[in-house]
């Protein structure tokens, strides 16, 4: 591990109360996930990884690439994560993924999910992509996951664009599996010169592409991506059940950016928590806000469910017209959408998970990297847009 990666590991250990030697920086979190699932795939015949399709395609790609089978379970509208009351595990369950969607960490639900996974001998995986440095814990304060994935990528908590980290529990019951995961992470090679350059120049490339006419920008973006000159947040291959390239470690430049950004994490989280508190106060009793959101949580985006009689897409579109950076994560499921959902074992609209489908249909999210007064203004705009959408339907 390089000096820069060592700094990342120490910072993450400091904020989580864990050991630096159990943290492994990677180029992107999805590649760390692949190494963990590949090690798991080599251990036995159990192939099912229980996860949710209220997520990004890049969170499921590593399962497929590792040769495992994603199995989707219902989410809870309260947490936007797997619902412990609806979870059904079988003898073929190899792992359960607990996703902290938008950064909502519901300790009670996560503990129940972990207990269910352990009851069938499944690996407990934690997807903390939206809340780098935050983990679900047992009542004694120790992390409950066997493996925890954290992202420094685009549109996450910190403005780093690239980077990820994997925490591997020193208390993992399966010592051989733990050793295999660690060995694979330590064996990761540095990015190729072209990939390293793509990371270093990403911001400049975006600045140029965003200034070009839309048609020209789209064609040039596709060309740069195809030639590995541009490394987008979601590559075309990553909407097809594949990954853009082989897993690699964090380059020195990426690791340096991760370590530097970690120094700002307390300030960033404090600011986002204040915005969340403002949204909760303004929206909490007016629209359906996930009950797992508490005023003090620093969320990467603030989600709510539009009323059943309101088109969520229309709400997002009208807010964007008003200058609000409203989001449509995760609509469609496996965001930003799979080219062929059946490759992922997902059939939109088949009503196998009606609660999740309903959440996807109504989900809207608002920016949290704003001052509280701006959050209040956005909340009022959202309520007015919802009312106008109802009027438009009448």
Protein backbone atom coordinates (compact mmCIF):
# COMPACT_ATOMS: atom_id res chain seq x y z
CA UNK A 1 0.00 0.00 0.00
CA UNK A 2 1.40 3.41 -0.99
CA UNK A 3 1.91 6.28 1.43
CA UNK A 4 -1.12 8.10 -0.02
CA UNK A 5 -3.34 5.01 0.32
CA UNK A 6 -2.09 4.57 3.85
CA UNK A 7 -3.26 8.10 4.65
CA UNK A 8 -6.73 7.24 3.32
CA UNK A 9 -6.85 4.12 5.49
CA UNK A 10 -5.80 6.06 8.59
CA UNK A 11 -8.41 8.77 8.03
CA UNK A 12 -11.16 6.19 7.56
CA UNK A 13 -10.02 4.31 10.65
CA UNK A 14 -10.14 7.53 12.67
CA UNK A 15 -13.73 8.40 11.70
CA UNK A 16 -15.05 4.85 12.12
CA UNK A 17 -13.14 3.72 15.22
CA UNK A 18 -11.61 0.84 13.28
CA UNK A 19 -8.05 -0.23 12.38
CA UNK A 20 -6.21 1.26 9.41
CA UNK A 21 -4.89 -2.16 8.38
CA UNK A 22 -8.44 -3.32 7.64
CA UNK A 23 -9.06 -0.60 5.01
CA UNK A 24 -8.12 -1.02 1.33
CA UNK A 25 -8.38 1.94 -1.09
CA UNK A 26 -9.39 1.18 -4.69
CA UNK A 27 -9.86 3.17 -7.90
CA UNK A 28 -13.66 2.88 -7.64
CA UNK A 29 -15.77 1.16 -5.00
CA UNK A 30 -17.34 -1.18 -7.58
CA UNK A 31 -13.94 -2.80 -8.16
CA UNK A 32 -13.54 -3.47 -4.47
CA UNK A 33 -16.99 -5.05 -4.50
CA UNK A 34 -15.93 -7.27 -7.39
CA UNK A 35 -12.90 -8.56 -5.48
CA UNK A 36 -15.03 -9.41 -2.43
CA UNK A 37 -17.69 -11.21 -4.48
CA UNK A 38 -15.06 -13.01 -6.59
CA UNK A 39 -13.43 -14.34 -3.42
CA UNK A 40 -16.86 -15.40 -2.15
CA UNK A 41 -17.69 -17.11 -5.46
CA UNK A 42 -14.61 -19.28 -5.14
CA UNK A 43 -15.62 -20.67 -1.75
CA UNK A 44 -18.61 -22.89 -2.53
CA UNK A 45 -21.83 -23.61 -4.34
CA UNK A 46 -23.98 -20.86 -2.80
CA UNK A 47 -24.45 -18.30 -5.57
CA UNK A 48 -27.26 -15.94 -4.55
CA UNK A 49 -26.50 -12.41 -3.40
CA UNK A 50 -29.60 -10.78 -1.94
CA UNK A 51 -29.79 -7.12 -2.88
CA UNK A 52 -32.29 -4.54 -4.17
CA UNK A 53 -33.03 -3.07 -7.58
CA UNK A 54 -33.61 0.35 -6.02
CA UNK A 55 -29.95 0.99 -6.68
CA UNK A 56 -27.42 1.80 -9.39
CA UNK A 57 -26.51 -0.77 -12.03
CA UNK A 58 -22.89 -0.45 -10.90
CA UNK A 59 -23.83 -1.92 -7.51
CA UNK A 60 -25.07 -5.11 -9.19
CA UNK A 61 -22.48 -5.40 -11.97
CA UNK A 62 -19.80 -6.74 -9.57
CA UNK A 63 -22.15 -9.55 -8.50
CA UNK A 64 -22.68 -10.61 -12.11
CA UNK A 65 -19.04 -10.26 -13.13
CA UNK A 66 -17.99 -12.39 -10.15
CA UNK A 67 -20.27 -15.17 -11.40
CA UNK A 68 -22.84 -14.76 -8.63
CA UNK A 69 -26.62 -14.34 -9.02
CA UNK A 70 -28.38 -11.19 -7.79
CA UNK A 71 -31.63 -11.96 -6.00
CA UNK A 72 -33.87 -9.00 -5.33
CA UNK A 73 -35.87 -8.46 -2.16
CA UNK A 74 -38.34 -5.78 -1.14
CA UNK A 75 -37.21 -2.47 0.28
CA UNK A 76 -38.86 -0.62 3.11
CA UNK A 77 -40.29 2.84 2.34
CA UNK A 78 -38.95 3.86 5.76
CA UNK A 79 -35.30 3.16 4.94
CA UNK A 80 -35.14 2.65 1.14
CA UNK A 81 -33.06 -0.40 2.04
CA UNK A 82 -33.95 -4.08 2.34
CA UNK A 83 -37.00 -4.65 4.53
CA UNK A 84 -36.15 -7.05 7.39
CA UNK A 85 -39.81 -8.07 7.61
CA UNK A 86 -39.94 -9.08 3.94
CA UNK A 87 -36.54 -10.76 3.74
CA UNK A 88 -36.56 -14.42 2.72
CA UNK A 89 -33.22 -16.21 2.64
CA UNK A 90 -32.50 -19.70 1.40
CA UNK A 91 -29.78 -22.32 1.56
CA UNK A 92 -28.29 -20.85 -1.63
CA UNK A 93 -27.85 -17.37 -0.09
CA UNK A 94 -24.16 -16.48 -0.09
CA UNK A 95 -24.42 -12.80 0.86
CA UNK A 96 -26.84 -10.03 1.80
CA UNK A 97 -26.16 -6.42 0.80
CA UNK A 98 -27.34 -3.74 3.23
CA UNK A 99 -27.47 -0.50 1.25
CA UNK A 100 -27.57 2.86 3.03
CA UNK A 101 -29.56 4.56 0.28
CA UNK A 102 -28.88 8.32 0.11
CA UNK A 103 -26.95 7.89 3.36
CA UNK A 104 -29.88 6.72 5.50
CA UNK A 105 -28.32 4.52 8.17
CA UNK A 106 -31.10 2.83 10.14
CA UNK A 107 -29.28 0.93 12.87
CA UNK A 108 -32.24 -1.17 14.01
CA UNK A 109 -33.13 -2.37 10.51
CA UNK A 110 -29.48 -3.02 9.62
CA UNK A 111 -28.99 -5.12 12.74
CA UNK A 112 -32.02 -7.25 11.95
CA UNK A 113 -30.81 -7.75 8.38
CA UNK A 114 -27.36 -8.76 9.61
CA UNK A 115 -28.83 -11.20 12.11
CA UNK A 116 -30.96 -12.80 9.38
CA UNK A 117 -27.93 -13.12 7.09
CA UNK A 118 -25.81 -14.68 9.82
CA UNK A 119 -28.58 -17.16 10.65
CA UNK A 120 -28.06 -18.81 7.24
CA UNK A 121 -24.28 -18.35 7.18
CA UNK A 122 -24.38 -15.55 4.58
CA UNK A 123 -21.76 -12.84 4.28
CA UNK A 124 -22.97 -9.42 5.48
CA UNK A 125 -22.02 -6.76 2.93
CA UNK A 126 -22.58 -3.07 3.60
CA UNK A 127 -22.97 -0.58 0.76
CA UNK A 128 -21.93 2.77 2.26
CA UNK A 129 -21.35 4.39 -1.14
CA UNK A 130 -23.57 7.32 -0.17
CA UNK A 131 -22.10 7.85 3.29
CA UNK A 132 -18.34 7.42 3.19
CA UNK A 133 -17.01 6.83 6.69
CA UNK A 134 -20.39 5.91 8.19
CA UNK A 135 -21.25 2.31 9.10
CA UNK A 136 -24.03 0.37 10.76
CA UNK A 137 -22.97 -0.83 14.21
CA UNK A 138 -23.99 -3.23 16.93
CA UNK A 139 -25.12 -1.79 20.30
CA UNK A 140 -21.54 -2.08 21.60
CA UNK A 141 -20.33 0.21 18.79
CA UNK A 142 -18.56 -2.39 16.65
CA UNK A 143 -19.33 -2.51 12.89
CA UNK A 144 -21.88 -5.17 12.00
CA UNK A 145 -20.74 -5.86 8.42
CA UNK A 146 -18.25 -8.46 7.29
CA UNK A 147 -17.27 -6.25 4.35
CA UNK A 148 -18.13 -2.56 3.94
CA UNK A 149 -17.83 -0.58 0.69
CA UNK A 150 -17.33 3.20 0.62
CA UNK A 151 -17.26 5.50 -2.40
CA UNK A 152 -15.41 8.71 -3.17
CA UNK A 153 -16.88 8.76 -6.69
CA UNK A 154 -18.90 11.29 -8.65
CA UNK A 155 -22.03 12.70 -7.00
CA UNK A 156 -21.18 11.19 -3.64
CA UNK A 157 -20.54 12.84 -0.27
CA UNK A 158 -17.14 14.32 -1.16
CA UNK A 159 -16.17 16.12 -4.41
CA UNK A 160 -13.39 13.68 -5.29
CA UNK A 161 -14.97 12.08 -8.43
CA UNK A 162 -12.81 8.93 -8.13
CA UNK A 163 -11.81 6.48 -5.42
CA UNK A 164 -13.30 3.95 -3.09
CA UNK A 165 -12.39 1.91 -0.05
CA UNK A 166 -13.20 -1.54 1.30
CA UNK A 167 -13.23 -2.41 4.98
CA UNK A 168 -12.79 -6.09 5.79
CA UNK A 169 -13.82 -7.06 9.31
CA UNK A 170 -11.03 -8.54 11.44
CA UNK A 171 -13.77 -10.48 13.26
CA UNK A 172 -15.11 -12.23 10.14
CA UNK A 173 -16.07 -15.77 11.11
CA UNK A 174 -14.75 -17.34 7.89
CA UNK A 175 -11.03 -16.74 8.26
CA UNK A 176 -10.17 -18.31 4.91
CA UNK A 177 -12.63 -16.08 3.10
CA UNK A 178 -11.31 -13.02 4.88
CA UNK A 179 -7.77 -13.89 3.88
CA UNK A 180 -8.86 -14.44 0.27
CA UNK A 181 -10.60 -11.05 0.10
CA UNK A 182 -7.62 -9.27 1.63
CA UNK A 183 -5.18 -11.05 -0.71
CA UNK A 184 -7.18 -10.02 -3.75
CA UNK A 185 -7.36 -6.40 -2.61
CA UNK A 186 -3.65 -6.25 -1.87
CA UNK A 187 -2.84 -7.77 -5.26
CA UNK A 188 -4.63 -5.04 -7.23
CA UNK A 189 -2.37 -3.29 -9.72
CA UNK A 190 -2.16 0.43 -10.39
CA UNK A 191 -4.35 1.88 -13.16
CA UNK A 192 -2.92 1.99 -16.65
CA UNK A 193 -1.33 5.31 -17.66
CA UNK A 194 -4.37 6.06 -19.83
CA UNK A 195 -6.84 5.37 -17.02
CA UNK A 196 -4.77 7.37 -14.53
CA UNK A 197 -4.73 10.27 -16.99
CA UNK A 198 -8.49 9.98 -17.51
CA UNK A 199 -9.00 10.47 -13.78
CA UNK A 200 -6.63 13.44 -13.60
CA UNK A 201 -8.25 15.22 -16.54
CA UNK A 202 -11.88 14.30 -15.84
CA UNK A 203 -12.93 17.73 -14.56
CA UNK A 204 -11.32 19.50 -17.52
CA UNK A 205 -12.96 17.13 -19.97
CA UNK A 206 -16.37 17.77 -18.42
CA UNK A 207 -15.81 21.53 -18.56
CA UNK A 208 -15.12 21.32 -22.29
CA UNK A 209 -17.91 18.84 -23.06
CA UNK A 210 -20.49 20.91 -21.16
CA UNK A 211 -19.67 23.96 -23.30
CA UNK A 212 -20.15 22.21 -26.63
CA UNK A 213 -23.47 21.92 -28.52
CA UNK A 214 -25.43 18.98 -27.16
CA UNK A 215 -25.16 16.77 -30.24
CA UNK A 216 -21.43 17.32 -30.64
CA UNK A 217 -20.87 16.84 -26.92
CA UNK A 218 -22.75 13.53 -26.94
CA UNK A 219 -20.76 12.17 -29.88
CA UNK A 220 -17.43 13.31 -28.46
CA UNK A 221 -18.28 11.92 -25.02
CA UNK A 222 -19.04 8.52 -26.57
CA UNK A 223 -15.76 8.55 -28.52
CA UNK A 224 -13.67 9.52 -25.48
CA UNK A 225 -15.37 6.83 -23.39
CA UNK A 226 -14.86 4.15 -26.04
CA UNK A 227 -11.15 4.95 -26.21
CA UNK A 228 -10.78 5.03 -22.38
CA UNK A 229 -9.81 8.71 -22.49
CA UNK A 230 -12.92 9.58 -20.44
CA UNK A 231 -13.94 7.56 -17.38
CA UNK A 232 -17.64 8.44 -16.82
CA UNK A 233 -19.53 7.68 -13.60
CA UNK A 234 -21.44 4.93 -15.44
CA UNK A 235 -19.84 3.51 -18.58
CA UNK A 236 -21.96 1.92 -21.33
CA UNK A 237 -20.67 -1.54 -20.36
CA UNK A 238 -21.91 -0.93 -16.82
CA UNK A 239 -25.50 -0.81 -18.08
CA UNK A 240 -25.03 -4.22 -19.68
CA UNK A 241 -24.02 -6.26 -16.63
CA UNK A 242 -20.29 -5.74 -17.16
CA UNK A 243 -17.58 -3.43 -15.82
CA UNK A 244 -15.58 -0.91 -17.81
CA UNK A 245 -12.19 -2.47 -17.06
CA UNK A 246 -10.37 -4.87 -14.78
CA UNK A 247 -10.24 -3.95 -11.09
CA UNK A 248 -7.38 -1.67 -10.09
CA UNK A 249 -6.05 -0.03 -6.95
CA UNK A 250 -6.26 3.69 -6.29
CA UNK A 251 -3.54 5.61 -8.11
CA UNK A 252 -1.37 7.91 -6.03
CA UNK A 253 -3.21 10.91 -7.44
CA UNK A 254 -6.65 9.44 -6.61
CA UNK A 255 -5.51 8.39 -3.14
CA UNK A 256 -4.07 11.83 -2.45
CA UNK A 257 -7.41 13.39 -3.40
CA UNK A 258 -9.27 10.98 -1.15
CA UNK A 259 -7.01 11.71 1.83
CA UNK A 260 -7.27 15.46 1.33
CA UNK A 261 -11.05 15.33 1.02
CA UNK A 262 -11.36 13.30 4.23
CA UNK A 263 -10.08 16.33 6.12
CA UNK A 264 -13.19 18.23 5.00
CA UNK A 265 -15.65 15.43 5.86
CA UNK A 266 -16.81 16.84 9.24
CA UNK A 267 -17.60 20.21 7.66
CA UNK A 268 -19.33 18.62 4.66
CA UNK A 269 -21.44 16.33 6.83
CA UNK A 270 -22.39 19.18 9.16
CA UNK A 271 -23.57 21.30 6.25
CA UNK A 272 -25.58 18.49 4.68
CA UNK A 273 -27.13 17.60 8.06
CA UNK A 274 -28.35 21.18 8.45
CA UNK A 275 -29.96 21.03 5.02
CA UNK A 276 -31.59 17.70 5.90
CA UNK A 277 -33.00 19.20 9.11
CA UNK A 278 -34.53 22.04 7.12
CA UNK A 279 -36.10 19.65 4.62
CA UNK A 280 -37.51 17.47 7.40
CA UNK A 281 -39.08 20.49 9.07
CA UNK A 282 -40.61 21.80 5.84
CA UNK A 283 -41.65 18.52 4.20
CA UNK A 284 -42.01 16.00 7.02
CA UNK A 285 -45.76 16.30 7.42
CA UNK A 286 -46.58 17.40 3.85
CA UNK A 287 -45.22 14.55 1.72
CA UNK A 288 -44.05 11.00 2.41
CA UNK A 289 -40.53 11.25 3.81
CA UNK A 290 -38.78 7.97 4.70
CA UNK A 291 -39.19 7.54 8.46
CA UNK A 292 -35.57 6.42 8.78
CA UNK A 293 -34.41 9.96 8.03
CA UNK A 294 -33.57 11.85 11.17
CA UNK A 295 -32.78 15.56 11.28
CA UNK A 296 -29.13 14.98 12.16
CA UNK A 297 -28.23 12.61 9.32
CA UNK A 298 -25.91 13.95 6.59
CA UNK A 299 -27.56 12.63 3.43
CA UNK A 300 -26.03 12.87 -0.02
CA UNK A 301 -29.51 13.71 -1.38
CA UNK A 302 -32.84 14.25 0.39
CA UNK A 303 -35.48 11.79 -0.85
CA UNK A 304 -39.24 11.90 -0.62
CA UNK A 305 -42.10 10.07 -2.34
CA UNK A 306 -44.43 12.10 -4.51
CA UNK A 307 -48.14 11.50 -3.84
CA UNK A 308 -49.59 8.56 -5.80
CA UNK A 309 -51.66 10.91 -7.97
CA UNK A 310 -48.66 13.01 -9.01
CA UNK A 311 -46.15 12.20 -11.76
CA UNK A 312 -42.72 12.17 -10.11
CA UNK A 313 -41.01 12.76 -13.47
CA UNK A 314 -43.06 15.92 -13.92
CA UNK A 315 -42.07 17.11 -10.44
CA UNK A 316 -38.38 16.64 -11.23
CA UNK A 317 -38.70 18.32 -14.63
CA UNK A 318 -40.52 21.37 -13.29
CA UNK A 319 -38.10 21.80 -10.40
CA UNK A 320 -35.19 21.67 -12.84
CA UNK A 321 -36.89 24.34 -14.95
CA UNK A 322 -36.90 26.48 -11.81
CA UNK A 323 -33.17 26.00 -11.28
CA UNK A 324 -33.39 23.27 -8.63
CA UNK A 325 -30.97 20.37 -9.07
CA UNK A 326 -33.70 17.79 -8.46
CA UNK A 327 -32.77 14.16 -9.01
CA UNK A 328 -34.47 11.06 -10.37
CA UNK A 329 -32.23 8.50 -8.60
CA UNK A 330 -33.33 5.54 -8.81
CA UNK A 331 -35.94 5.83 -11.45
CA UNK A 332 -35.70 3.52 -13.35
CA UNK A 333 -34.46 0.71 -11.16
CA UNK A 334 -30.81 -0.24 -11.70
CA UNK A 335 -30.24 3.45 -12.37
CA UNK A 336 -29.65 4.97 -14.89
CA UNK A 337 -31.29 1.97 -16.50
CA UNK A 338 -30.12 -1.39 -17.79
CA UNK A 339 -29.91 -1.94 -21.54
CA UNK A 340 -31.46 -5.38 -20.98
CA UNK A 341 -32.88 -5.71 -17.45
CA UNK A 342 -33.17 -9.49 -17.83
CA UNK A 343 -29.37 -9.71 -17.89
CA UNK A 344 -29.65 -8.57 -14.27
CA UNK A 345 -32.48 -10.96 -13.49
CA UNK A 346 -34.80 -7.97 -13.17
CA UNK A 347 -38.16 -7.66 -14.92
CA UNK A 348 -39.64 -4.18 -14.47
CA UNK A 349 -43.33 -4.23 -13.77
CA UNK A 350 -43.65 -7.95 -13.06
CA UNK A 351 -45.00 -7.07 -9.58
CA UNK A 352 -42.60 -9.44 -7.82
CA UNK A 353 -41.60 -6.56 -5.52
CA UNK A 354 -44.61 -4.21 -5.63
CA UNK A 355 -43.40 -2.01 -2.76
CA UNK A 356 -40.07 -1.37 -4.45
CA UNK A 357 -41.77 -0.66 -7.78
CA UNK A 358 -44.07 1.85 -6.06
CA UNK A 359 -41.12 3.58 -4.37
CA UNK A 360 -39.27 3.81 -7.70
CA UNK A 361 -42.32 5.30 -9.40
CA UNK A 362 -42.69 8.07 -6.80
CA UNK A 363 -39.11 8.80 -5.70
CA UNK A 364 -37.78 12.37 -5.97
CA UNK A 365 -34.60 13.69 -4.37
CA UNK A 366 -33.34 17.17 -3.57
CA UNK A 367 -29.81 18.58 -3.12
CA UNK A 368 -28.28 18.70 0.35
CA UNK A 369 -25.14 20.65 -0.52
CA UNK A 370 -27.10 23.87 0.08
CA UNK A 371 -27.58 26.24 2.99
CA UNK A 372 -30.61 25.60 5.24
CA UNK A 373 -32.50 28.63 3.97
CA UNK A 374 -32.01 27.48 0.40
CA UNK A 375 -33.24 24.01 1.42
CA UNK A 376 -36.39 25.59 2.86
CA UNK A 377 -36.93 27.52 -0.34
CA UNK A 378 -36.48 24.36 -2.43
CA UNK A 379 -38.91 22.49 -0.19
CA UNK A 380 -41.54 25.18 -0.70
CA UNK A 381 -40.93 25.07 -4.46
CA UNK A 382 -41.37 21.29 -4.40
CA UNK A 383 -44.69 21.55 -2.56
CA UNK A 384 -45.93 24.19 -5.00
CA UNK A 385 -44.91 22.02 -7.97
CA UNK A 386 -46.72 19.02 -6.48
CA UNK A 387 -49.86 21.11 -6.06
CA UNK A 388 -49.60 22.38 -9.62
CA UNK A 389 -49.21 18.83 -10.93
CA UNK A 390 -52.39 17.85 -9.13
CA UNK A 391 -54.22 20.81 -10.64
CA UNK A 392 -52.91 19.86 -14.07
CA UNK A 393 -54.38 16.38 -13.69
CA UNK A 394 -57.77 17.55 -12.50
